[in-house]
Amino acid sequence: MSLFRKLFSSSNPASEEDKENEQSQFLPEVTMAVDEAFIYHFKKNGGKFIYCENKKEVSEQFENILEENDWFENEVLCYDPNLFHLLDENKLPYEKPANPTFLLASCENLIAEEGSILFSSKQIKQLKPNELPVNIVVIATTSQILGAKSDGLSAIKKKYERDYPTNITTIKYFEKAKEEDFTQYGSSAKNLYLLLLEDL
C-alpha cells in the first residue's frame, strides 16, 4: 500500500497487529536510554565500539587494536598531551608525523541521536575530516554521551567560557557506503574505534 494511501485512507482501518508493527519501527529511538541510543546508532554507522571499565582496560584494548591492525612502529597523529602516555608505552612516534597511520584523540562529546562523534580544534586543530587519517582511535567517557548535536554545542559553550574552540565538526560515517548514498555526499568514511571508559 502506498504511503499516501496509508495517510489519507479512512476506509479499511488497519488491524491492531498492523498498528503495532508500524509503531515498532520507531521504538528503538523512543524507548532507548541515551547511552544505548548512541551505541545503537554508532554501530549502525559502522563504528567499532569497545567498552572499558577502567584506565587499565583502555590501555589493554588500545594494545589489542594496535596488534589487530599491525600498527606497531607506525607514526601517529595526536594533539592531546593526556594521551601521549599510551603512545609512549607502545613506543609509537607522534612528534611531527610525516605520514601518520592513525589519529589518536579524545573528543568533545558523543551524539546519541545520530551516533556521531563531536570534535573541535582542541582535538584535531584546523584539520577537516577528509584531511585526517582514515584510521581513528577515540577515547571518550560515558559522561560525554549527549542526546542531540545542540546539547553538544551547549556543552562546548559551558566548558570553554573564554578559550572557545573553532573547527567544531562531527564524524558520523565509519565505513564506505555499500551503494551510492546521497546522505554521505561530501563526507569521508573513517575506520573508527571508540574506547568508551565508564566514569558514571
C-alpha atoms as a PDB file:
ATOM      1  CA  MET A   1       0.000   0.000   0.000  1.00  0.00           C
ATOM      2  CA  SER A   2       1.421   3.415  -0.901  1.00  0.00           C
ATOM      3  CA  LEU A   3       2.372   5.918   1.788  1.00  0.00           C
ATOM      4  CA  PHE A   4      -0.261   8.410   0.603  1.00  0.00           C
ATOM      5  CA  ARG A   5      -2.999   5.793   0.730  1.00  0.00           C
ATOM      6  CA  LYS A   6      -1.999   4.896   4.289  1.00  0.00           C
ATOM      7  CA  LEU A   7      -2.132   8.549   5.320  1.00  0.00           C
ATOM      8  CA  PHE A   8      -5.367   9.529   3.649  1.00  0.00           C
ATOM      9  CA  SER A   9      -7.499   6.373   3.578  1.00  0.00           C
ATOM     10  CA  SER A  10     -10.309   6.293   6.105  1.00  0.00           C
ATOM     11  CA  SER A  11     -11.778   3.039   4.828  1.00  0.00           C
ATOM     12  CA  ASN A  12     -10.061  -0.275   5.642  1.00  0.00           C
ATOM     13  CA  PRO A  13      -8.823   0.632   9.090  1.00  0.00           C
ATOM     14  CA  ALA A  14      -5.570  -1.184   9.914  1.00  0.00           C
ATOM     15  CA  SER A  15      -5.740  -4.121  12.260  1.00  0.00           C
ATOM     16  CA  GLU A  16      -4.216  -3.828  15.762  1.00  0.00           C
ATOM     17  CA  GLU A  17      -1.324  -6.057  14.666  1.00  0.00           C
ATOM     18  CA  ASP A  18      -0.522  -3.749  11.713  1.00  0.00           C
ATOM     19  CA  LYS A  19      -0.562  -0.725  14.018  1.00  0.00           C
ATOM     20  CA  GLU A  20       1.833  -2.433  16.423  1.00  0.00           C
ATOM     21  CA  ASN A  21       4.190  -3.313  13.549  1.00  0.00           C
ATOM     22  CA  GLU A  22       4.149   0.276  12.300  1.00  0.00           C
ATOM     23  CA  GLN A  23       4.918   1.651  15.756  1.00  0.00           C
ATOM     24  CA  SER A  24       7.694  -0.870  16.448  1.00  0.00           C
ATOM     25  CA  GLN A  25       9.794   0.653  13.641  1.00  0.00           C
ATOM     26  CA  PHE A  26      10.129   3.786  15.736  1.00  0.00           C
ATOM     27  CA  LEU A  27      10.573   2.227  19.176  1.00  0.00           C
ATOM     28  CA  PRO A  28      14.392   1.978  19.284  1.00  0.00           C
ATOM     29  CA  GLU A  29      14.788   5.778  19.201  1.00  0.00           C
ATOM     30  CA  VAL A  30      11.880   6.467  21.542  1.00  0.00           C
ATOM     31  CA  THR A  31      12.487   3.952  24.300  1.00  0.00           C
ATOM     32  CA  MET A  32      16.277   3.640  24.471  1.00  0.00           C
ATOM     33  CA  ALA A  33      18.374   5.356  27.113  1.00  0.00           C
ATOM     34  CA  VAL A  34      20.796   7.948  25.702  1.00  0.00           C
ATOM     35  CA  ASP A  35      23.829   5.660  26.048  1.00  0.00           C
ATOM     36  CA  GLU A  36      22.014   2.736  24.387  1.00  0.00           C
ATOM     37  CA  ALA A  37      20.801   5.004  21.574  1.00  0.00           C
ATOM     38  CA  PHE A  38      24.355   6.218  20.962  1.00  0.00           C
ATOM     39  CA  ILE A  39      25.759   2.681  20.788  1.00  0.00           C
ATOM     40  CA  TYR A  40      22.903   1.538  18.521  1.00  0.00           C
ATOM     41  CA  HIS A  41      23.421   4.390  16.007  1.00  0.00           C
ATOM     42  CA  PHE A  42      27.232   4.329  16.263  1.00  0.00           C
ATOM     43  CA  LYS A  43      27.390   0.618  15.400  1.00  0.00           C
ATOM     44  CA  LYS A  44      24.764   1.076  12.656  1.00  0.00           C
ATOM     45  CA  ASN A  45      27.102   3.708  11.132  1.00  0.00           C
ATOM     46  CA  GLY A  46      29.906   1.123  11.081  1.00  0.00           C
ATOM     47  CA  GLY A  47      31.847   2.208  14.171  1.00  0.00           C
ATOM     48  CA  LYS A  48      33.757  -0.286  16.312  1.00  0.00           C
ATOM     49  CA  PHE A  49      32.828   0.060  19.971  1.00  0.00           C
ATOM     50  CA  ILE A  50      34.836  -1.240  22.958  1.00  0.00           C
ATOM     51  CA  TYR A  51      33.551  -0.695  26.498  1.00  0.00           C
ATOM     52  CA  CYS A  52      36.208  -0.263  29.231  1.00  0.00           C
ATOM     53  CA  GLU A  53      35.567  -0.299  32.986  1.00  0.00           C
ATOM     54  CA  ASN A  54      38.869   1.375  33.950  1.00  0.00           C
ATOM     55  CA  LYS A  55      42.010   3.008  32.544  1.00  0.00           C
ATOM     56  CA  LYS A  56      43.942  -0.263  32.671  1.00  0.00           C
ATOM     57  CA  GLU A  57      41.373  -1.781  30.280  1.00  0.00           C
ATOM     58  CA  VAL A  58      41.720   1.248  27.999  1.00  0.00           C
ATOM     59  CA  SER A  59      45.500   0.571  27.747  1.00  0.00           C
ATOM     60  CA  GLU A  60      44.929  -3.148  27.134  1.00  0.00           C
ATOM     61  CA  GLN A  61      42.268  -2.574  24.469  1.00  0.00           C
ATOM     62  CA  PHE A  62      44.444   0.064  22.778  1.00  0.00           C
ATOM     63  CA  GLU A  63      47.249  -2.526  22.528  1.00  0.00           C
ATOM     64  CA  ASN A  64      44.754  -5.035  21.093  1.00  0.00           C
ATOM     65  CA  ILE A  65      43.789  -2.523  18.375  1.00  0.00           C
ATOM     66  CA  LEU A  66      47.470  -1.965  17.539  1.00  0.00           C
ATOM     67  CA  GLU A  67      48.026  -5.721  17.319  1.00  0.00           C
ATOM     68  CA  GLU A  68      44.866  -6.391  15.278  1.00  0.00           C
ATOM     69  CA  ASN A  69      45.878  -3.807  12.660  1.00  0.00           C
ATOM     70  CA  ASP A  70      49.677  -4.293  12.874  1.00  0.00           C
ATOM     71  CA  TRP A  71      50.152  -0.591  13.746  1.00  0.00           C
ATOM     72  CA  PHE A  72      53.222  -1.056  15.957  1.00  0.00           C
ATOM     73  CA  GLU A  73      56.112   1.218  14.903  1.00  0.00           C
ATOM     74  CA  ASN A  74      53.780   3.366  12.759  1.00  0.00           C
ATOM     75  CA  GLU A  75      53.551   7.141  13.060  1.00  0.00           C
ATOM     76  CA  VAL A  76      50.538   8.538  14.905  1.00  0.00           C
ATOM     77  CA  LEU A  77      48.779  11.899  14.770  1.00  0.00           C
ATOM     78  CA  CYS A  78      47.892  13.027  18.298  1.00  0.00           C
ATOM     79  CA  TYR A  79      47.380  16.556  19.664  1.00  0.00           C
ATOM     80  CA  ASP A  80      46.251  15.611  23.175  1.00  0.00           C
ATOM     81  CA  PRO A  81      49.071  15.513  25.802  1.00  0.00           C
ATOM     82  CA  ASN A  82      46.774  13.447  28.074  1.00  0.00           C
ATOM     83  CA  LEU A  83      47.020  10.580  25.566  1.00  0.00           C
ATOM     84  CA  PHE A  84      50.783  10.692  24.906  1.00  0.00           C
ATOM     85  CA  HIS A  85      51.399   8.074  27.640  1.00  0.00           C
ATOM     86  CA  LEU A  86      49.549   5.443  25.551  1.00  0.00           C
ATOM     87  CA  LEU A  87      51.844   6.168  22.616  1.00  0.00           C
ATOM     88  CA  ASP A  88      54.979   6.248  24.790  1.00  0.00           C
ATOM     89  CA  GLU A  89      54.057   2.891  26.396  1.00  0.00           C
ATOM     90  CA  ASN A  90      53.874   1.345  22.915  1.00  0.00           C
ATOM     91  CA  LYS A  91      56.913   3.234  21.509  1.00  0.00           C
ATOM     92  CA  LEU A  92      54.854   4.894  18.770  1.00  0.00           C
ATOM     93  CA  PRO A  93      56.303   8.060  17.199  1.00  0.00           C
ATOM     94  CA  TYR A  94      53.920  11.046  17.294  1.00  0.00           C
ATOM     95  CA  GLU A  95      56.068  14.190  17.067  1.00  0.00           C
ATOM     96  CA  LYS A  96      55.611  15.850  13.660  1.00  0.00           C
ATOM     97  CA  PRO A  97      54.478  12.700  11.827  1.00  0.00           C
ATOM     98  CA  ALA A  98      55.041  12.821   8.055  1.00  0.00           C
ATOM     99  CA  ASN A  99      52.640  10.008   7.206  1.00  0.00           C
ATOM    100  CA  PRO A 100      50.513   9.023  10.236  1.00  0.00           C
ATOM    101  CA  THR A 101      48.720   5.672  10.101  1.00  0.00           C
ATOM    102  CA  PHE A 102      46.016   6.728  12.553  1.00  0.00           C
ATOM    103  CA  LEU A 103      44.729   9.572  14.714  1.00  0.00           C
ATOM    104  CA  LEU A 104      44.537   9.050  18.469  1.00  0.00           C
ATOM    105  CA  ALA A 105      42.181  11.603  20.007  1.00  0.00           C
ATOM    106  CA  SER A 106      39.708  12.433  22.691  1.00  0.00           C
ATOM    107  CA  CYS A 107      36.511  14.230  21.649  1.00  0.00           C
ATOM    108  CA  GLU A 108      34.108  16.893  22.856  1.00  0.00           C
ATOM    109  CA  ASN A 109      31.025  14.677  23.006  1.00  0.00           C
ATOM    110  CA  LEU A 110      29.284  11.610  21.641  1.00  0.00           C
ATOM    111  CA  ILE A 111      25.937  12.411  19.991  1.00  0.00           C
ATOM    112  CA  ALA A 112      23.278   9.754  20.607  1.00  0.00           C
ATOM    113  CA  GLU A 113      20.640  10.773  18.035  1.00  0.00           C
ATOM    114  CA  GLU A 114      22.958  10.123  15.097  1.00  0.00           C
ATOM    115  CA  GLY A 115      25.775   8.012  16.585  1.00  0.00           C
ATOM    116  CA  SER A 116      28.375  10.639  15.726  1.00  0.00           C
ATOM    117  CA  ILE A 117      31.484  11.984  17.435  1.00  0.00           C
ATOM    118  CA  LEU A 118      31.830  15.727  18.010  1.00  0.00           C
ATOM    119  CA  PHE A 119      35.354  17.152  17.644  1.00  0.00           C
ATOM    120  CA  SER A 120      36.786  20.642  17.883  1.00  0.00           C
ATOM    121  CA  SER A 121      40.133  22.325  17.279  1.00  0.00           C
ATOM    122  CA  LYS A 122      41.167  21.083  20.741  1.00  0.00           C
ATOM    123  CA  GLN A 123      41.421  17.544  19.334  1.00  0.00           C
ATOM    124  CA  ILE A 124      42.027  17.953  15.581  1.00  0.00           C
ATOM    125  CA  LYS A 125      43.418  21.526  15.283  1.00  0.00           C
ATOM    126  CA  GLN A 126      42.189  23.042  11.985  1.00  0.00           C
ATOM    127  CA  LEU A 127      42.120  19.796  10.008  1.00  0.00           C
ATOM    128  CA  LYS A 128      38.947  18.914   8.122  1.00  0.00           C
ATOM    129  CA  PRO A 129      37.640  15.322   8.424  1.00  0.00           C
ATOM    130  CA  ASN A 130      38.935  14.431   4.929  1.00  0.00           C
ATOM    131  CA  GLU A 131      42.441  15.636   5.949  1.00  0.00           C
ATOM    132  CA  LEU A 132      42.570  13.259   8.937  1.00  0.00           C
ATOM    133  CA  PRO A 133      43.983   9.728   8.635  1.00  0.00           C
ATOM    134  CA  VAL A 134      41.446   7.106   7.534  1.00  0.00           C
ATOM    135  CA  ASN A 135      42.035   5.228  10.801  1.00  0.00           C
ATOM    136  CA  ILE A 136      40.952   6.885  14.051  1.00  0.00           C
ATOM    137  CA  VAL A 137      41.036   5.702  17.668  1.00  0.00           C
ATOM    138  CA  VAL A 138      38.896   7.824  20.007  1.00  0.00           C
ATOM    139  CA  ILE A 139      38.992   7.633  23.779  1.00  0.00           C
ATOM    140  CA  ALA A 140      35.868   9.003  25.452  1.00  0.00           C
ATOM    141  CA  THR A 141      33.869   8.590  28.651  1.00  0.00           C
ATOM    142  CA  THR A 142      30.251   7.618  29.253  1.00  0.00           C
ATOM    143  CA  SER A 143      29.570  11.081  30.729  1.00  0.00           C
ATOM    144  CA  GLN A 144      30.317  12.599  27.294  1.00  0.00           C
ATOM    145  CA  ILE A 145      27.239  10.963  25.713  1.00  0.00           C
ATOM    146  CA  LEU A 146      24.578  13.577  24.964  1.00  0.00           C
ATOM    147  CA  GLY A 147      21.219  13.354  23.213  1.00  0.00           C
ATOM    148  CA  ALA A 148      21.496  15.813  20.324  1.00  0.00           C
ATOM    149  CA  LYS A 149      24.078  17.907  18.493  1.00  0.00           C
ATOM    150  CA  SER A 150      22.605  21.061  20.057  1.00  0.00           C
ATOM    151  CA  ASP A 151      23.361  19.564  23.520  1.00  0.00           C
ATOM    152  CA  GLY A 152      26.957  19.061  22.400  1.00  0.00           C
ATOM    153  CA  LEU A 153      27.279  22.681  21.281  1.00  0.00           C
ATOM    154  CA  SER A 154      25.822  23.887  24.587  1.00  0.00           C
ATOM    155  CA  ALA A 155      28.305  21.695  26.480  1.00  0.00           C
ATOM    156  CA  ILE A 156      31.190  23.231  24.492  1.00  0.00           C
ATOM    157  CA  LYS A 157      29.962  26.742  25.381  1.00  0.00           C
ATOM    158  CA  LYS A 158      29.873  25.837  29.084  1.00  0.00           C
ATOM    159  CA  LYS A 159      33.231  24.060  29.047  1.00  0.00           C
ATOM    160  CA  TYR A 160      35.179  26.813  27.270  1.00  0.00           C
ATOM    161  CA  GLU A 161      33.941  30.154  28.556  1.00  0.00           C
ATOM    162  CA  ARG A 162      36.945  32.119  27.266  1.00  0.00           C
ATOM    163  CA  ASP A 163      39.152  29.952  25.062  1.00  0.00           C
ATOM    164  CA  TYR A 164      36.315  28.922  22.738  1.00  0.00           C
ATOM    165  CA  PRO A 165      37.414  26.256  20.203  1.00  0.00           C
ATOM    166  CA  THR A 166      36.989  26.542  16.454  1.00  0.00           C
ATOM    167  CA  ASN A 167      36.594  23.874  13.767  1.00  0.00           C
ATOM    168  CA  ILE A 168      33.662  22.179  15.513  1.00  0.00           C
ATOM    169  CA  THR A 169      32.699  19.164  13.411  1.00  0.00           C
ATOM    170  CA  THR A 170      31.152  15.710  13.686  1.00  0.00           C
ATOM    171  CA  ILE A 171      32.275  12.456  12.142  1.00  0.00           C
ATOM    172  CA  LYS A 172      29.391  10.117  11.526  1.00  0.00           C
ATOM    173  CA  TYR A 173      30.279   7.567   8.841  1.00  0.00           C
ATOM    174  CA  PHE A 174      32.667   4.783   9.784  1.00  0.00           C
ATOM    175  CA  GLU A 175      32.507   2.582   6.708  1.00  0.00           C
ATOM    176  CA  LYS A 176      32.159   3.125   2.999  1.00  0.00           C
ATOM    177  CA  ALA A 177      28.569   3.207   1.765  1.00  0.00           C
ATOM    178  CA  LYS A 178      27.713  -0.084   0.089  1.00  0.00           C
ATOM    179  CA  GLU A 179      25.776   1.787  -2.587  1.00  0.00           C
ATOM    180  CA  GLU A 180      25.650   5.407  -3.615  1.00  0.00           C
ATOM    181  CA  ASP A 181      24.123   7.135  -0.593  1.00  0.00           C
ATOM    182  CA  PHE A 182      23.348  10.822  -1.056  1.00  0.00           C
ATOM    183  CA  THR A 183      23.387  11.370   2.748  1.00  0.00           C
ATOM    184  CA  GLN A 184      27.121  10.622   2.749  1.00  0.00           C
ATOM    185  CA  TYR A 185      27.895  13.029  -0.095  1.00  0.00           C
ATOM    186  CA  GLY A 186      30.946  15.146   0.747  1.00  0.00           C
ATOM    187  CA  SER A 187      31.856  13.122   3.844  1.00  0.00           C
ATOM    188  CA  SER A 188      34.791  10.773   4.110  1.00  0.00           C
ATOM    189  CA  ALA A 189      34.245   7.415   5.815  1.00  0.00           C
ATOM    190  CA  LYS A 190      36.649   6.570   8.637  1.00  0.00           C
ATOM    191  CA  ASN A 191      37.757   3.275  10.155  1.00  0.00           C
ATOM    192  CA  LEU A 192      36.953   4.316  13.710  1.00  0.00           C
ATOM    193  CA  TYR A 193      37.441   2.582  17.047  1.00  0.00           C
ATOM    194  CA  LEU A 194      35.838   4.014  20.162  1.00  0.00           C
ATOM    195  CA  LEU A 195      37.233   3.083  23.560  1.00  0.00           C
ATOM    196  CA  LEU A 196      34.452   4.116  25.923  1.00  0.00           C
ATOM    197  CA  LEU A 197      35.542   4.457  29.553  1.00  0.00           C
ATOM    198  CA  GLU A 198      32.892   4.130  32.273  1.00  0.00           C
ATOM    199  CA  ASP A 199      33.011   7.219  34.505  1.00  0.00           C
ATOM    200  CA  LEU A 200      29.451   7.458  35.854  1.00  0.00           C
END
